[in-house]
């Protein structure tokens, strides 16, 4: 049945003159039908450069919003409108606006995992792959507020030495990994380096041989002489690694609940929903023009600083 849906998606993609962008955390069947699979930074560049009429974004809602912001004349659709993000939800735009009014002068560095409204209140956006570089380029004479992911912010502080105020948000996927769980599987596979995403807690990051974004995981695993790796991030990344770094073994970092870790929002997307979205051009991402303009400036600053 998946083969039938895959062909239907490809047919509708041609009819709609669409491009399919998919995040690394999407399921294997979605990754294999996508035109591009990557992390938030790579997806932002691809969305901005897209010349198709339609962008079908297989990820979560804030990612589709970003695509609309950087390429507002395109029709942007996503397979499931309810594919949200616990991290983005931890920082509502109205709460940030009130906080900034009470604490004027903050230079706001926002992780891309936030709503368009939060982006519009920010000075610059970052991803896990460029956060260190972005913070290093932030004005030295300004007090920084980093949001919404506290764990990523802690890691960036350690890497840069830059003091920042941290918003108390987190990703429901990455906080499921525990020090005890990762230590247990590390003891089971002592020759396998632990590669962890910086959204993990500090206790988990301390066990890692490498802490990096999903995109940088590919390069690290490709260059490393090791034959096996313990991957501590959302489960969809394992498929990408197995496709692009063949001949090596990738072991899912366990949580207290299971041997893998799925984002319940990312996994809402399916091939069937992709076909329906292309057929109807819904759910469609629509944003007010003034919000697009305000949010585009800090995103563009990130893209310019990351070239």
Protein backbone atom coordinates (compact mmCIF):
# COMPACT_ATOMS: atom_id res chain seq x y z
CA UNK A 1 0.00 0.00 0.00
CA UNK A 2 2.86 2.41 0.79
CA UNK A 3 4.15 1.87 -2.75
CA UNK A 4 0.78 3.00 -4.13
CA UNK A 5 0.76 6.11 -1.97
CA UNK A 6 4.36 6.87 -2.92
CA UNK A 7 3.46 6.83 -6.61
CA UNK A 8 0.36 8.93 -5.96
CA UNK A 9 2.45 11.53 -4.16
CA UNK A 10 4.95 11.65 -7.02
CA UNK A 11 2.18 12.01 -9.58
CA UNK A 12 0.51 14.87 -7.68
CA UNK A 13 3.88 16.52 -7.13
CA UNK A 14 4.38 16.71 -10.89
CA UNK A 15 0.84 17.96 -11.49
CA UNK A 16 1.15 20.67 -8.86
CA UNK A 17 4.73 21.62 -9.74
CA UNK A 18 5.62 21.03 -6.11
CA UNK A 19 8.80 20.43 -4.18
CA UNK A 20 8.79 18.14 -1.15
CA UNK A 21 10.98 19.17 1.77
CA UNK A 22 11.32 16.78 4.72
CA UNK A 23 12.98 17.03 8.09
CA UNK A 24 15.41 14.38 9.29
CA UNK A 25 12.84 13.20 11.84
CA UNK A 26 10.27 12.14 9.27
CA UNK A 27 9.54 8.45 8.70
CA UNK A 28 11.61 6.46 6.22
CA UNK A 29 8.91 6.35 3.53
CA UNK A 30 8.54 10.14 3.60
CA UNK A 31 12.29 10.70 3.47
CA UNK A 32 12.53 8.45 0.43
CA UNK A 33 9.90 10.36 -1.55
CA UNK A 34 11.19 13.83 -0.61
CA UNK A 35 13.26 16.03 -2.91
CA UNK A 36 15.39 17.16 0.01
CA UNK A 37 15.87 15.83 3.54
CA UNK A 38 17.76 17.87 6.10
CA UNK A 39 17.88 19.89 9.28
CA UNK A 40 16.21 23.24 9.88
CA UNK A 41 19.08 25.29 8.45
CA UNK A 42 19.32 23.30 5.24
CA UNK A 43 15.55 23.28 4.87
CA UNK A 44 15.43 27.07 5.27
CA UNK A 45 17.92 27.56 2.45
CA UNK A 46 16.03 25.09 0.24
CA UNK A 47 12.68 26.71 0.96
CA UNK A 48 14.04 30.15 0.14
CA UNK A 49 15.54 28.93 -3.14
CA UNK A 50 12.51 26.87 -4.21
CA UNK A 51 11.18 27.81 -7.65
CA UNK A 52 8.29 25.34 -7.64
CA UNK A 53 4.75 26.65 -7.30
CA UNK A 54 4.07 24.64 -4.17
CA UNK A 55 6.22 23.70 -1.17
CA UNK A 56 4.99 20.58 0.60
CA UNK A 57 6.72 20.71 3.96
CA UNK A 58 6.97 17.43 5.85
CA UNK A 59 7.86 18.48 9.35
CA UNK A 60 6.06 20.44 12.03
CA UNK A 61 4.12 23.67 11.86
CA UNK A 62 6.87 26.16 12.76
CA UNK A 63 9.01 24.73 9.94
CA UNK A 64 6.25 25.26 7.37
CA UNK A 65 5.80 28.79 8.73
CA UNK A 66 9.50 29.42 8.18
CA UNK A 67 9.20 28.26 4.59
CA UNK A 68 6.35 30.70 4.03
CA UNK A 69 8.31 33.54 5.64
CA UNK A 70 11.40 33.04 3.47
CA UNK A 71 9.41 32.43 0.26
CA UNK A 72 6.06 34.19 0.80
CA UNK A 73 4.83 34.04 -2.80
CA UNK A 74 4.76 30.26 -2.79
CA UNK A 75 1.87 28.08 -1.68
CA UNK A 76 3.12 26.26 1.42
CA UNK A 77 1.23 23.20 2.64
CA UNK A 78 1.89 20.58 5.29
CA UNK A 79 0.41 17.12 5.60
CA UNK A 80 -1.13 17.57 9.06
CA UNK A 81 -2.00 20.96 10.53
CA UNK A 82 -1.89 19.54 14.05
CA UNK A 83 1.81 18.69 13.77
CA UNK A 84 2.97 21.15 16.40
CA UNK A 85 6.03 21.32 18.64
CA UNK A 86 6.29 21.14 22.43
CA UNK A 87 9.37 23.34 22.33
CA UNK A 88 7.70 26.06 20.27
CA UNK A 89 4.66 25.88 22.56
CA UNK A 90 6.87 26.55 25.60
CA UNK A 91 7.39 30.16 24.46
CA UNK A 92 4.12 31.86 23.42
CA UNK A 93 4.63 35.12 21.56
CA UNK A 94 2.39 37.08 23.93
CA UNK A 95 4.43 35.95 26.96
CA UNK A 96 7.69 36.89 25.25
CA UNK A 97 6.27 40.30 24.32
CA UNK A 98 5.31 40.98 27.96
CA UNK A 99 8.71 39.83 29.17
CA UNK A 100 10.57 42.09 26.74
CA UNK A 101 8.41 45.05 27.73
CA UNK A 102 9.40 44.47 31.37
CA UNK A 103 13.06 43.85 30.49
CA UNK A 104 13.97 46.29 27.70
CA UNK A 105 17.29 46.16 25.89
CA UNK A 106 17.59 42.39 25.53
CA UNK A 107 19.12 41.04 22.34
CA UNK A 108 16.94 38.06 21.51
CA UNK A 109 18.52 34.96 19.95
CA UNK A 110 15.73 32.54 19.10
CA UNK A 111 16.17 28.91 18.19
CA UNK A 112 14.28 28.29 14.96
CA UNK A 113 11.94 25.94 16.88
CA UNK A 114 9.55 28.77 17.68
CA UNK A 115 6.45 30.36 16.20
CA UNK A 116 6.40 33.09 13.57
CA UNK A 117 5.20 35.47 16.29
CA UNK A 118 8.28 34.77 18.40
CA UNK A 119 10.56 35.10 15.39
CA UNK A 120 9.07 38.53 14.73
CA UNK A 121 10.11 39.62 18.25
CA UNK A 122 13.67 38.30 17.82
CA UNK A 123 16.90 39.93 16.71
CA UNK A 124 18.36 36.82 15.11
CA UNK A 125 17.37 33.18 14.63
CA UNK A 126 19.64 30.17 15.01
CA UNK A 127 19.58 26.42 14.55
CA UNK A 128 21.44 23.79 16.54
CA UNK A 129 23.95 23.66 13.69
CA UNK A 130 24.86 27.35 13.74
CA UNK A 131 23.90 28.47 17.27
CA UNK A 132 27.51 28.80 18.43
CA UNK A 133 28.43 30.92 15.42
CA UNK A 134 25.32 33.09 15.78
CA UNK A 135 25.91 33.78 19.47
CA UNK A 136 29.56 34.58 18.80
CA UNK A 137 28.40 37.19 16.29
CA UNK A 138 25.82 38.76 18.58
CA UNK A 139 26.70 42.29 19.80
CA UNK A 140 29.18 42.09 22.66
CA UNK A 141 27.63 45.05 24.46
CA UNK A 142 24.11 43.59 24.68
CA UNK A 143 22.52 41.29 27.24
CA UNK A 144 21.40 38.15 25.46
CA UNK A 145 18.15 36.26 25.90
CA UNK A 146 18.27 32.78 24.36
CA UNK A 147 15.04 30.93 23.72
CA UNK A 148 13.16 28.68 23.82
CA UNK A 149 15.41 25.65 24.49
CA UNK A 150 17.23 25.83 27.80
CA UNK A 151 19.39 22.77 27.14
CA UNK A 152 20.65 24.07 23.81
CA UNK A 153 21.27 27.45 25.43
CA UNK A 154 23.34 25.85 28.20
CA UNK A 155 25.45 24.02 25.62
CA UNK A 156 25.98 27.19 23.58
CA UNK A 157 27.03 29.04 26.74
CA UNK A 158 29.60 26.33 27.46
CA UNK A 159 30.94 26.48 23.90
CA UNK A 160 31.10 30.28 23.62
CA UNK A 161 31.67 31.45 27.19
CA UNK A 162 28.94 34.02 26.55
CA UNK A 163 26.58 34.61 29.44
CA UNK A 164 22.95 34.45 28.37
CA UNK A 165 19.60 34.47 30.05
CA UNK A 166 17.83 31.23 29.12
CA UNK A 167 14.12 30.72 28.55
CA UNK A 168 12.91 27.59 30.37
CA UNK A 169 11.69 25.49 27.45
CA UNK A 170 12.61 22.03 26.25
CA UNK A 171 11.89 19.39 23.62
CA UNK A 172 9.73 16.53 24.86
CA UNK A 173 11.77 14.09 22.76
CA UNK A 174 15.25 14.95 23.93
CA UNK A 175 14.50 15.25 27.65
CA UNK A 176 13.36 11.61 27.59
CA UNK A 177 16.99 10.49 27.30
CA UNK A 178 18.58 9.92 30.70
CA UNK A 179 22.12 9.61 32.00
CA UNK A 180 21.40 6.10 33.31
CA UNK A 181 19.90 4.93 30.02
CA UNK A 182 22.74 6.22 27.88
CA UNK A 183 25.36 4.90 30.28
CA UNK A 184 23.75 1.46 30.14
CA UNK A 185 23.86 1.24 26.35
CA UNK A 186 27.35 2.71 26.29
CA UNK A 187 28.47 -0.11 28.59
CA UNK A 188 26.81 -2.57 26.19
CA UNK A 189 28.62 -1.11 23.15
CA UNK A 190 31.88 0.32 24.57
CA UNK A 191 33.49 0.81 21.15
CA UNK A 192 30.58 2.86 19.80
CA UNK A 193 30.87 6.64 20.21
CA UNK A 194 27.82 8.39 21.65
CA UNK A 195 26.57 11.15 19.34
CA UNK A 196 23.98 13.38 21.01
CA UNK A 197 21.87 16.35 20.01
CA UNK A 198 22.44 19.52 22.09
CA UNK A 199 18.75 19.61 23.06
CA UNK A 200 19.54 16.70 25.41
CA UNK A 201 20.06 17.46 29.07
CA UNK A 202 23.50 18.28 30.38
CA UNK A 203 23.69 14.90 32.16
CA UNK A 204 23.32 13.15 28.79
CA UNK A 205 25.62 15.54 26.94
CA UNK A 206 28.38 14.80 29.45
CA UNK A 207 28.35 11.16 28.30
CA UNK A 208 28.58 12.03 24.62
CA UNK A 209 31.70 11.75 22.50
CA UNK A 210 30.18 14.29 20.10
CA UNK A 211 27.38 16.82 20.61
CA UNK A 212 26.09 18.28 17.36
CA UNK A 213 23.13 19.01 15.10
CA UNK A 214 21.51 16.25 13.09
CA UNK A 215 23.22 17.39 9.89
CA UNK A 216 26.64 17.39 11.52
CA UNK A 217 26.00 13.87 12.81
CA UNK A 218 26.27 12.63 9.24
CA UNK A 219 29.69 14.19 8.69
CA UNK A 220 30.97 13.02 12.07
CA UNK A 221 29.89 9.42 11.52
CA UNK A 222 31.21 9.39 7.96
CA UNK A 223 34.66 10.64 8.99
CA UNK A 224 34.99 8.60 12.18
CA UNK A 225 36.90 5.30 11.93
CA UNK A 226 34.34 3.71 14.27
CA UNK A 227 32.07 1.02 12.86
CA UNK A 228 29.11 1.66 15.16
CA UNK A 229 27.53 4.69 16.83
CA UNK A 230 24.94 5.32 19.53
CA UNK A 231 22.65 8.06 18.22
CA UNK A 232 20.87 10.15 20.85
CA UNK A 233 18.17 12.06 19.03
CA UNK A 234 14.79 11.43 17.43
CA UNK A 235 14.46 8.05 15.73
CA UNK A 236 13.98 9.34 12.18
CA UNK A 237 17.63 10.36 12.06
CA UNK A 238 18.69 6.70 12.08
CA UNK A 239 17.20 6.12 8.63
CA UNK A 240 19.03 9.11 7.16
CA UNK A 241 22.31 7.92 8.66
CA UNK A 242 21.85 4.39 7.34
CA UNK A 243 21.13 5.72 3.85
CA UNK A 244 24.02 8.16 3.69
CA UNK A 245 26.66 6.32 5.72
CA UNK A 246 26.27 2.71 4.54
CA UNK A 247 28.37 -0.04 6.02
CA UNK A 248 28.21 1.33 9.56
CA UNK A 249 25.89 0.43 12.41
CA UNK A 250 23.64 2.98 14.13
CA UNK A 251 22.12 2.17 17.51
CA UNK A 252 19.19 4.13 18.88
CA UNK A 253 19.82 5.74 22.23
CA UNK A 254 17.18 4.30 24.59
CA UNK A 255 14.81 6.16 26.85
CA UNK A 256 13.22 4.93 30.05
CA UNK A 257 10.20 3.84 28.00
CA UNK A 258 11.59 2.23 24.85
CA UNK A 259 14.61 1.48 22.68
CA UNK A 260 13.88 4.42 20.40
CA UNK A 261 12.41 7.89 20.70
CA UNK A 262 9.74 9.21 18.33
CA UNK A 263 8.41 12.76 18.13
CA UNK A 264 4.65 12.32 18.26
CA UNK A 265 4.21 15.47 16.17
CA UNK A 266 6.69 14.56 13.43
CA UNK A 267 5.09 11.15 13.10
CA UNK A 268 1.64 12.64 12.39
CA UNK A 269 2.71 13.08 8.77
CA UNK A 270 2.07 10.15 6.40
CA UNK A 271 2.22 9.47 2.67
CA UNK A 272 -1.59 9.38 2.55
CA UNK A 273 -1.81 12.81 4.16
CA UNK A 274 0.85 14.11 1.76
CA UNK A 275 -1.25 12.95 -1.19
CA UNK A 276 -4.35 14.61 0.26
CA UNK A 277 -2.47 17.86 0.85
CA UNK A 278 -1.21 17.95 -2.73
CA UNK A 279 -4.65 17.11 -4.11
CA UNK A 280 -6.42 19.88 -2.18
CA UNK A 281 -3.53 22.29 -1.50
CA UNK A 282 -4.50 22.17 2.16
CA UNK A 283 -3.69 22.53 5.03
CA UNK A 284 -2.18 25.77 3.78
CA UNK A 285 0.13 28.03 5.80
CA UNK A 286 -1.10 31.62 5.75
CA UNK A 287 0.51 34.48 7.66
CA UNK A 288 -0.25 38.23 7.75
CA UNK A 289 2.05 40.28 5.53
CA UNK A 290 3.30 42.41 8.43
CA UNK A 291 4.20 39.30 10.43
CA UNK A 292 6.09 37.87 7.46
CA UNK A 293 8.10 41.07 7.10
CA UNK A 294 8.94 41.23 10.81
CA UNK A 295 9.89 37.57 11.07
CA UNK A 296 11.88 37.56 7.83
CA UNK A 297 14.52 40.02 9.08
CA UNK A 298 15.99 37.84 11.91
CA UNK A 299 15.78 34.73 9.73
CA UNK A 300 17.64 36.46 6.92
CA UNK A 301 20.26 37.66 9.39
CA UNK A 302 20.82 34.02 10.38
CA UNK A 303 21.07 32.89 6.76
CA UNK A 304 23.53 35.69 5.94
CA UNK A 305 25.70 34.94 8.98
CA UNK A 306 25.73 31.21 8.19
CA UNK A 307 26.86 31.28 4.56
